[in-house]
Amino acid sequence: MKTYGIFELGVVVADPQRSADFYVDVVGFEYAPFDGGPGKGSRALAIGDSQYMGLWEPGYWNSTYWEGPYGHYFGDQIGQVHPVFGVAQDDVEPLAERLKAAGHEVIGPMPHADGSLHLYFSDPDGHAVEMWGRQ
């Protein structure tokens, strides 16, 4: 099977705009071209080439093809996720500085065995976010 990576990461958050502000203003992502704007119950961010992150408030996301316990649980709960984003190695240290300047705790940057730098921090909902520097 040929894979193309992850095209969308859906995350249920307490406040989509607060999370979007964090990921856009501090982390450096951009709004997706199809983002519906504030006050709609969700925000869509571009996190790579044709890759997106959906930030949904509890109860906003629903699906007719995932009825039952999984669909209900996913759409209504703020479950913890550990997203790992691949970024340019040269962007890891400046991101750490932006996070610290904005009052966020960070772990790293720290080198891994392959020579890549990794940075760990929490988003406004406590998700354990990792940035993996790519050389």
C-alpha atoms as a PDB file:
ATOM      1  CA  MET A   1       0.000   0.000   0.000  1.00  0.00           C
ATOM      2  CA  LYS A   2       1.316   3.425  -0.897  1.00  0.00           C
ATOM      3  CA  THR A   3       0.587   6.061   1.722  1.00  0.00           C
ATOM      4  CA  TYR A   4       0.719   9.839   1.439  1.00  0.00           C
ATOM      5  CA  GLY A   5       0.897  10.765   5.111  1.00  0.00           C
ATOM      6  CA  ILE A   6      -1.900  12.143   7.239  1.00  0.00           C
ATOM      7  CA  PHE A   7      -4.215  14.509   5.388  1.00  0.00           C
ATOM      8  CA  GLU A   8      -6.216  15.645   8.417  1.00  0.00           C
ATOM      9  CA  LEU A   9      -5.784  15.502  12.157  1.00  0.00           C
ATOM     10  CA  GLY A  10      -9.089  16.114  13.939  1.00  0.00           C
ATOM     11  CA  VAL A  11      -8.828  17.305  17.538  1.00  0.00           C
ATOM     12  CA  VAL A  12     -11.734  18.077  19.863  1.00  0.00           C
ATOM     13  CA  VAL A  13     -10.851  21.150  21.955  1.00  0.00           C
ATOM     14  CA  ALA A  14     -12.630  23.252  24.575  1.00  0.00           C
ATOM     15  CA  ASP A  15     -12.423  26.461  22.546  1.00  0.00           C
ATOM     16  CA  PRO A  16     -11.537  26.224  18.832  1.00  0.00           C
ATOM     17  CA  GLN A  17     -10.638  29.905  18.545  1.00  0.00           C
ATOM     18  CA  ARG A  18      -8.322  29.816  21.569  1.00  0.00           C
ATOM     19  CA  SER A  19      -6.592  26.747  20.124  1.00  0.00           C
ATOM     20  CA  ALA A  20      -6.412  28.305  16.658  1.00  0.00           C
ATOM     21  CA  ASP A  21      -4.883  31.476  18.125  1.00  0.00           C
ATOM     22  CA  PHE A  22      -2.213  29.344  19.815  1.00  0.00           C
ATOM     23  CA  TYR A  23      -1.393  27.271  16.740  1.00  0.00           C
ATOM     24  CA  VAL A  24      -1.421  30.268  14.361  1.00  0.00           C
ATOM     25  CA  ASP A  25       0.026  33.087  16.488  1.00  0.00           C
ATOM     26  CA  VAL A  26       2.554  31.139  18.580  1.00  0.00           C
ATOM     27  CA  VAL A  27       3.347  27.919  16.700  1.00  0.00           C
ATOM     28  CA  GLY A  28       3.195  29.454  13.214  1.00  0.00           C
ATOM     29  CA  PHE A  29       0.588  27.386  11.356  1.00  0.00           C
ATOM     30  CA  GLU A  30      -1.834  29.121   8.983  1.00  0.00           C
ATOM     31  CA  TYR A  31      -5.579  28.991   8.504  1.00  0.00           C
ATOM     32  CA  ALA A  32      -6.687  26.530   5.824  1.00  0.00           C
ATOM     33  CA  PRO A  33      -8.155  28.077   2.657  1.00  0.00           C
ATOM     34  CA  PHE A  34     -11.515  26.494   3.524  1.00  0.00           C
ATOM     35  CA  ASP A  35     -11.606  27.597   7.185  1.00  0.00           C
ATOM     36  CA  GLY A  36     -15.093  28.828   8.061  1.00  0.00           C
ATOM     37  CA  GLY A  37     -13.950  31.614  10.371  1.00  0.00           C
ATOM     38  CA  PRO A  38     -14.589  32.243  14.068  1.00  0.00           C
ATOM     39  CA  GLY A  39     -17.833  31.406  15.801  1.00  0.00           C
ATOM     40  CA  LYS A  40     -18.674  28.326  13.736  1.00  0.00           C
ATOM     41  CA  GLY A  41     -17.726  25.624  16.290  1.00  0.00           C
ATOM     42  CA  SER A  42     -14.554  24.694  14.469  1.00  0.00           C
ATOM     43  CA  ARG A  43     -11.404  26.049  12.863  1.00  0.00           C
ATOM     44  CA  ALA A  44      -9.297  24.494  10.107  1.00  0.00           C
ATOM     45  CA  LEU A  45      -5.544  24.962   9.945  1.00  0.00           C
ATOM     46  CA  ALA A  46      -3.008  24.163   7.253  1.00  0.00           C
ATOM     47  CA  ILE A  47      -0.200  22.117   8.812  1.00  0.00           C
ATOM     48  CA  GLY A  48       1.656  21.111   5.658  1.00  0.00           C
ATOM     49  CA  ASP A  49       1.264  20.647   1.937  1.00  0.00           C
ATOM     50  CA  SER A  50      -2.351  19.430   1.602  1.00  0.00           C
ATOM     51  CA  GLN A  51      -2.372  18.509   5.302  1.00  0.00           C
ATOM     52  CA  TYR A  52      -4.811  20.001   7.777  1.00  0.00           C
ATOM     53  CA  MET A  53      -5.801  20.064  11.431  1.00  0.00           C
ATOM     54  CA  GLY A  54      -9.441  20.451  12.394  1.00  0.00           C
ATOM     55  CA  LEU A  55     -10.135  21.976  15.813  1.00  0.00           C
ATOM     56  CA  TRP A  56     -13.708  21.164  16.891  1.00  0.00           C
ATOM     57  CA  GLU A  57     -15.617  22.063  20.025  1.00  0.00           C
ATOM     58  CA  PRO A  58     -17.336  19.164  21.816  1.00  0.00           C
ATOM     59  CA  GLY A  59     -20.593  18.215  20.122  1.00  0.00           C
ATOM     60  CA  TYR A  60     -19.787  20.064  16.865  1.00  0.00           C
ATOM     61  CA  TRP A  61     -18.407  17.139  14.898  1.00  0.00           C
ATOM     62  CA  ASN A  62     -20.806  14.397  13.983  1.00  0.00           C
ATOM     63  CA  SER A  63     -21.045  11.701  11.395  1.00  0.00           C
ATOM     64  CA  THR A  64     -23.784   9.522  10.011  1.00  0.00           C
ATOM     65  CA  TYR A  65     -21.273   6.834   9.088  1.00  0.00           C
ATOM     66  CA  TRP A  66     -19.800   6.600  12.576  1.00  0.00           C
ATOM     67  CA  GLU A  67     -22.941   6.264  14.597  1.00  0.00           C
ATOM     68  CA  GLY A  68     -22.614   4.404  17.842  1.00  0.00           C
ATOM     69  CA  PRO A  69     -20.181   4.674  20.710  1.00  0.00           C
ATOM     70  CA  TYR A  70     -17.049   5.636  18.778  1.00  0.00           C
ATOM     71  CA  GLY A  71     -18.605   8.488  16.826  1.00  0.00           C
ATOM     72  CA  HIS A  72     -20.412   9.784  19.897  1.00  0.00           C
ATOM     73  CA  TYR A  73     -17.317   9.560  22.085  1.00  0.00           C
ATOM     74  CA  PHE A  74     -15.029  11.196  19.549  1.00  0.00           C
ATOM     75  CA  GLY A  75     -17.320  14.097  18.795  1.00  0.00           C
ATOM     76  CA  ASP A  76     -18.236  14.887  22.390  1.00  0.00           C
ATOM     77  CA  GLN A  77     -15.008  14.341  24.322  1.00  0.00           C
ATOM     78  CA  ILE A  78     -11.747  16.219  24.615  1.00  0.00           C
ATOM     79  CA  GLY A  79      -9.518  13.143  24.391  1.00  0.00           C
ATOM     80  CA  GLN A  80      -5.780  13.490  24.699  1.00  0.00           C
ATOM     81  CA  VAL A  81      -3.694  13.173  21.570  1.00  0.00           C
ATOM     82  CA  HIS A  82       0.035  13.342  20.900  1.00  0.00           C
ATOM     83  CA  PRO A  83       0.482  15.013  17.519  1.00  0.00           C
ATOM     84  CA  VAL A  84       4.024  14.974  16.180  1.00  0.00           C
ATOM     85  CA  PHE A  85       4.668  17.522  13.441  1.00  0.00           C
ATOM     86  CA  GLY A  86       7.636  17.327  11.099  1.00  0.00           C
ATOM     87  CA  VAL A  87       9.230  20.754  10.746  1.00  0.00           C
ATOM     88  CA  ALA A  88      12.446  22.183   9.360  1.00  0.00           C
ATOM     89  CA  GLN A  89      15.297  21.596  11.794  1.00  0.00           C
ATOM     90  CA  ASP A  90      16.164  25.318  11.699  1.00  0.00           C
ATOM     91  CA  ASP A  91      12.657  26.207  12.919  1.00  0.00           C
ATOM     92  CA  VAL A  92      12.798  24.169  16.150  1.00  0.00           C
ATOM     93  CA  GLU A  93      14.868  26.587  18.256  1.00  0.00           C
ATOM     94  CA  PRO A  94      12.972  29.748  17.157  1.00  0.00           C
ATOM     95  CA  LEU A  95       9.695  27.994  17.982  1.00  0.00           C
ATOM     96  CA  ALA A  96      10.998  27.114  21.450  1.00  0.00           C
ATOM     97  CA  GLU A  97      11.842  30.782  21.990  1.00  0.00           C
ATOM     98  CA  ARG A  98       8.387  31.939  20.777  1.00  0.00           C
ATOM     99  CA  LEU A  99       6.668  29.463  23.090  1.00  0.00           C
ATOM    100  CA  LYS A 100       8.742  30.560  26.088  1.00  0.00           C
ATOM    101  CA  ALA A 101       8.157  34.247  25.289  1.00  0.00           C
ATOM    102  CA  ALA A 102       4.413  33.550  25.211  1.00  0.00           C
ATOM    103  CA  GLY A 103       4.620  31.926  28.679  1.00  0.00           C
ATOM    104  CA  HIS A 104       4.529  28.247  27.673  1.00  0.00           C
ATOM    105  CA  GLU A 105       6.781  25.602  29.175  1.00  0.00           C
ATOM    106  CA  VAL A 106       8.870  23.581  26.734  1.00  0.00           C
ATOM    107  CA  ILE A 107      11.074  20.526  26.936  1.00  0.00           C
ATOM    108  CA  GLY A 108      13.952  20.760  24.511  1.00  0.00           C
ATOM    109  CA  PRO A 109      15.013  21.231  21.890  1.00  0.00           C
ATOM    110  CA  MET A 110      16.829  17.969  22.407  1.00  0.00           C
ATOM    111  CA  PRO A 111      18.749  15.877  19.898  1.00  0.00           C
ATOM    112  CA  HIS A 112      17.624  12.345  19.086  1.00  0.00           C
ATOM    113  CA  ALA A 113      19.896   9.529  17.923  1.00  0.00           C
ATOM    114  CA  ASP A 114      19.294  10.376  14.240  1.00  0.00           C
ATOM    115  CA  GLY A 115      20.531  13.952  14.786  1.00  0.00           C
ATOM    116  CA  SER A 116      17.089  15.528  14.618  1.00  0.00           C
ATOM    117  CA  LEU A 117      16.007  18.092  17.208  1.00  0.00           C
ATOM    118  CA  HIS A 118      12.737  17.493  19.067  1.00  0.00           C
ATOM    119  CA  LEU A 119      10.668  19.979  21.028  1.00  0.00           C
ATOM    120  CA  TYR A 120       7.824  19.098  23.407  1.00  0.00           C
ATOM    121  CA  PHE A 121       5.080  21.357  24.785  1.00  0.00           C
ATOM    122  CA  SER A 122       1.398  21.365  25.684  1.00  0.00           C
ATOM    123  CA  ASP A 123      -1.321  23.182  23.761  1.00  0.00           C
ATOM    124  CA  PRO A 124      -4.161  25.035  25.550  1.00  0.00           C
ATOM    125  CA  ASP A 125      -6.070  21.747  26.049  1.00  0.00           C
ATOM    126  CA  GLY A 126      -3.081  19.875  27.439  1.00  0.00           C
ATOM    127  CA  HIS A 127      -2.332  17.819  24.331  1.00  0.00           C
ATOM    128  CA  ALA A 128       1.311  16.708  24.328  1.00  0.00           C
ATOM    129  CA  VAL A 129       2.636  18.286  21.125  1.00  0.00           C
ATOM    130  CA  GLU A 130       5.986  17.344  19.612  1.00  0.00           C
ATOM    131  CA  MET A 131       7.912  19.049  16.850  1.00  0.00           C
ATOM    132  CA  TRP A 132      10.362  16.800  15.013  1.00  0.00           C
ATOM    133  CA  GLY A 133      13.079  18.734  13.244  1.00  0.00           C
ATOM    134  CA  ARG A 134      13.895  17.417   9.823  1.00  0.00           C
ATOM    135  CA  GLN A 135      17.355  18.010   8.424  1.00  0.00           C
END
